[in-house]
C-alpha atoms as a PDB file:
ATOM      1  CA  UNK A   1     -36.879 -15.767  -6.014  1.00  0.00           C
ATOM      2  CA  UNK A   2     -34.318 -13.525  -4.306  1.00  0.00           C
ATOM      3  CA  UNK A   3     -30.689 -14.216  -4.865  1.00  0.00           C
ATOM      4  CA  UNK A   4     -28.430 -13.954  -1.946  1.00  0.00           C
ATOM      5  CA  UNK A   5     -26.583 -10.735  -1.841  1.00  0.00           C
ATOM      6  CA  UNK A   6     -23.132 -12.144  -0.925  1.00  0.00           C
ATOM      7  CA  UNK A   7     -23.405 -14.709  -3.808  1.00  0.00           C
ATOM      8  CA  UNK A   8     -20.942 -13.780  -6.422  1.00  0.00           C
ATOM      9  CA  UNK A   9     -21.454 -15.163 -10.170  1.00  0.00           C
ATOM     10  CA  UNK A  10     -18.719 -15.514 -12.658  1.00  0.00           C
ATOM     11  CA  UNK A  11     -18.531 -16.094 -16.394  1.00  0.00           C
ATOM     12  CA  UNK A  12     -15.402 -18.015 -17.538  1.00  0.00           C
ATOM     13  CA  UNK A  13     -13.730 -19.142 -20.580  1.00  0.00           C
ATOM     14  CA  UNK A  14     -11.841 -22.491 -20.833  1.00  0.00           C
ATOM     15  CA  UNK A  15      -9.495 -23.407 -23.595  1.00  0.00           C
ATOM     16  CA  UNK A  16      -9.472 -26.948 -24.638  1.00  0.00           C
ATOM     17  CA  UNK A  17      -6.660 -28.901 -26.054  1.00  0.00           C
ATOM     18  CA  UNK A  18      -8.012 -28.284 -29.485  1.00  0.00           C
ATOM     19  CA  UNK A  19      -7.715 -24.486 -28.854  1.00  0.00           C
ATOM     20  CA  UNK A  20     -11.599 -24.048 -28.689  1.00  0.00           C
ATOM     21  CA  UNK A  21     -12.856 -21.688 -25.972  1.00  0.00           C
ATOM     22  CA  UNK A  22     -15.727 -22.888 -24.000  1.00  0.00           C
ATOM     23  CA  UNK A  23     -17.829 -20.237 -22.282  1.00  0.00           C
ATOM     24  CA  UNK A  24     -19.847 -20.988 -18.871  1.00  0.00           C
ATOM     25  CA  UNK A  25     -21.311 -19.531 -15.963  1.00  0.00           C
ATOM     26  CA  UNK A  26     -21.093 -20.314 -12.063  1.00  0.00           C
ATOM     27  CA  UNK A  27     -21.181 -19.263  -8.572  1.00  0.00           C
ATOM     28  CA  UNK A  28     -18.044 -21.165  -7.556  1.00  0.00           C
ATOM     29  CA  UNK A  29     -15.510 -20.995 -10.565  1.00  0.00           C
ATOM     30  CA  UNK A  30     -12.934 -23.454  -8.899  1.00  0.00           C
ATOM     31  CA  UNK A  31     -15.758 -26.315  -8.082  1.00  0.00           C
ATOM     32  CA  UNK A  32     -16.923 -25.976 -11.702  1.00  0.00           C
ATOM     33  CA  UNK A  33     -13.553 -26.055 -13.175  1.00  0.00           C
ATOM     34  CA  UNK A  34     -12.686 -29.149 -11.360  1.00  0.00           C
ATOM     35  CA  UNK A  35     -15.950 -30.731 -12.365  1.00  0.00           C
ATOM     36  CA  UNK A  36     -14.970 -30.097 -16.011  1.00  0.00           C
ATOM     37  CA  UNK A  37     -11.499 -31.403 -15.535  1.00  0.00           C
ATOM     38  CA  UNK A  38     -13.141 -34.591 -14.118  1.00  0.00           C
ATOM     39  CA  UNK A  39     -15.231 -35.005 -16.963  1.00  0.00           C
ATOM     40  CA  UNK A  40     -18.358 -34.217 -15.035  1.00  0.00           C
ATOM     41  CA  UNK A  41     -19.268 -31.031 -16.385  1.00  0.00           C
ATOM     42  CA  UNK A  42     -20.282 -29.810 -19.834  1.00  0.00           C
ATOM     43  CA  UNK A  43     -20.374 -32.801 -22.438  1.00  0.00           C
ATOM     44  CA  UNK A  44     -18.746 -30.314 -24.898  1.00  0.00           C
ATOM     45  CA  UNK A  45     -15.584 -30.490 -22.911  1.00  0.00           C
ATOM     46  CA  UNK A  46     -15.571 -34.489 -22.495  1.00  0.00           C
ATOM     47  CA  UNK A  47     -12.465 -35.942 -23.981  1.00  0.00           C
ATOM     48  CA  UNK A  48     -10.957 -32.447 -24.879  1.00  0.00           C
ATOM     49  CA  UNK A  49      -8.616 -32.061 -22.126  1.00  0.00           C
ATOM     50  CA  UNK A  50      -6.170 -30.865 -20.758  1.00  0.00           C
ATOM     51  CA  UNK A  51      -8.418 -27.818 -19.928  1.00  0.00           C
ATOM     52  CA  UNK A  52      -7.080 -24.369 -18.975  1.00  0.00           C
ATOM     53  CA  UNK A  53      -9.206 -21.812 -17.222  1.00  0.00           C
ATOM     54  CA  UNK A  54      -8.104 -18.777 -19.365  1.00  0.00           C
ATOM     55  CA  UNK A  55     -10.461 -15.925 -18.119  1.00  0.00           C
ATOM     56  CA  UNK A  56     -13.279 -15.186 -15.858  1.00  0.00           C
ATOM     57  CA  UNK A  57     -15.288 -12.101 -14.558  1.00  0.00           C
ATOM     58  CA  UNK A  58     -17.676 -11.686 -11.729  1.00  0.00           C
ATOM     59  CA  UNK A  59     -21.060 -10.138 -12.051  1.00  0.00           C
ATOM     60  CA  UNK A  60     -23.643  -8.911  -9.494  1.00  0.00           C
ATOM     61  CA  UNK A  61     -26.253 -11.477 -10.152  1.00  0.00           C
ATOM     62  CA  UNK A  62     -27.004 -14.677 -11.648  1.00  0.00           C
ATOM     63  CA  UNK A  63     -29.285 -12.841 -14.262  1.00  0.00           C
ATOM     64  CA  UNK A  64     -26.549 -10.426 -15.293  1.00  0.00           C
ATOM     65  CA  UNK A  65     -23.844 -13.255 -15.520  1.00  0.00           C
ATOM     66  CA  UNK A  66     -26.270 -15.337 -17.705  1.00  0.00           C
ATOM     67  CA  UNK A  67     -26.683 -12.355 -20.040  1.00  0.00           C
ATOM     68  CA  UNK A  68     -22.997 -11.806 -20.127  1.00  0.00           C
ATOM     69  CA  UNK A  69     -22.393 -15.640 -20.930  1.00  0.00           C
ATOM     70  CA  UNK A  70     -25.028 -15.428 -23.770  1.00  0.00           C
ATOM     71  CA  UNK A  71     -23.287 -12.193 -25.115  1.00  0.00           C
ATOM     72  CA  UNK A  72     -19.669 -13.691 -25.019  1.00  0.00           C
ATOM     73  CA  UNK A  73     -21.139 -16.894 -26.796  1.00  0.00           C
ATOM     74  CA  UNK A  74     -22.159 -14.655 -29.648  1.00  0.00           C
ATOM     75  CA  UNK A  75     -18.646 -13.190 -30.149  1.00  0.00           C
ATOM     76  CA  UNK A  76     -16.337 -14.370 -32.829  1.00  0.00           C
ATOM     77  CA  UNK A  77     -13.350 -16.445 -31.480  1.00  0.00           C
ATOM     78  CA  UNK A  78     -11.087 -13.389 -32.302  1.00  0.00           C
ATOM     79  CA  UNK A  79     -12.937 -11.125 -29.745  1.00  0.00           C
ATOM     80  CA  UNK A  80     -12.986 -13.853 -27.194  1.00  0.00           C
ATOM     81  CA  UNK A  81      -9.139 -14.081 -27.557  1.00  0.00           C
ATOM     82  CA  UNK A  82      -9.064 -10.254 -26.963  1.00  0.00           C
ATOM     83  CA  UNK A  83     -11.018 -10.752 -23.624  1.00  0.00           C
ATOM     84  CA  UNK A  84      -8.609 -13.541 -22.692  1.00  0.00           C
ATOM     85  CA  UNK A  85      -5.617 -11.129 -23.582  1.00  0.00           C
ATOM     86  CA  UNK A  86      -7.228  -8.567 -21.186  1.00  0.00           C
ATOM     87  CA  UNK A  87      -7.146  -6.117 -24.392  1.00  0.00           C
ATOM     88  CA  UNK A  88     -11.022  -5.962 -24.054  1.00  0.00           C
ATOM     89  CA  UNK A  89     -13.509  -5.773 -21.210  1.00  0.00           C
ATOM     90  CA  UNK A  90     -17.152  -6.278 -21.106  1.00  0.00           C
ATOM     91  CA  UNK A  91     -19.064  -3.224 -19.865  1.00  0.00           C
ATOM     92  CA  UNK A  92     -22.500  -3.646 -18.233  1.00  0.00           C
ATOM     93  CA  UNK A  93     -24.685  -0.477 -18.408  1.00  0.00           C
ATOM     94  CA  UNK A  94     -27.617   0.548 -16.260  1.00  0.00           C
ATOM     95  CA  UNK A  95     -30.036  -1.331 -18.426  1.00  0.00           C
ATOM     96  CA  UNK A  96     -28.059  -4.602 -18.132  1.00  0.00           C
ATOM     97  CA  UNK A  97     -26.959  -4.289 -21.772  1.00  0.00           C
ATOM     98  CA  UNK A  98     -23.412  -5.676 -22.536  1.00  0.00           C
ATOM     99  CA  UNK A  99     -20.691  -3.615 -24.563  1.00  0.00           C
ATOM    100  CA  UNK A 100     -17.070  -4.688 -25.348  1.00  0.00           C
ATOM    101  CA  UNK A 101     -14.594  -1.839 -24.414  1.00  0.00           C
ATOM    102  CA  UNK A 102     -10.936  -1.606 -25.190  1.00  0.00           C
ATOM    103  CA  UNK A 103      -8.803  -1.326 -22.076  1.00  0.00           C
ATOM    104  CA  UNK A 104      -6.702   1.632 -21.605  1.00  0.00           C
ATOM    105  CA  UNK A 105      -3.358   1.220 -20.371  1.00  0.00           C
END
């Protein structure tokens, strides 16, 4: 299956009312966030609102976005918070491997 070249995929972090960070992937971040807000998204977010979209990043394909989502889910909460604060960013190398890098001012 070939992905449409113009289709963008995003990975996002949503903060719950309990201060937890939920990570997901989508090709339409606003539609997906509205689904989560309406209780029609992930079961993990039901009843945990209000929800806040804290962070998102675009990736070149669904495959890369899903790898980034998996990578982020393995991070500690402290590192996820650094992503949210824009002190860290995710870099994808030519082999589609993920790395965290400190952002330089």
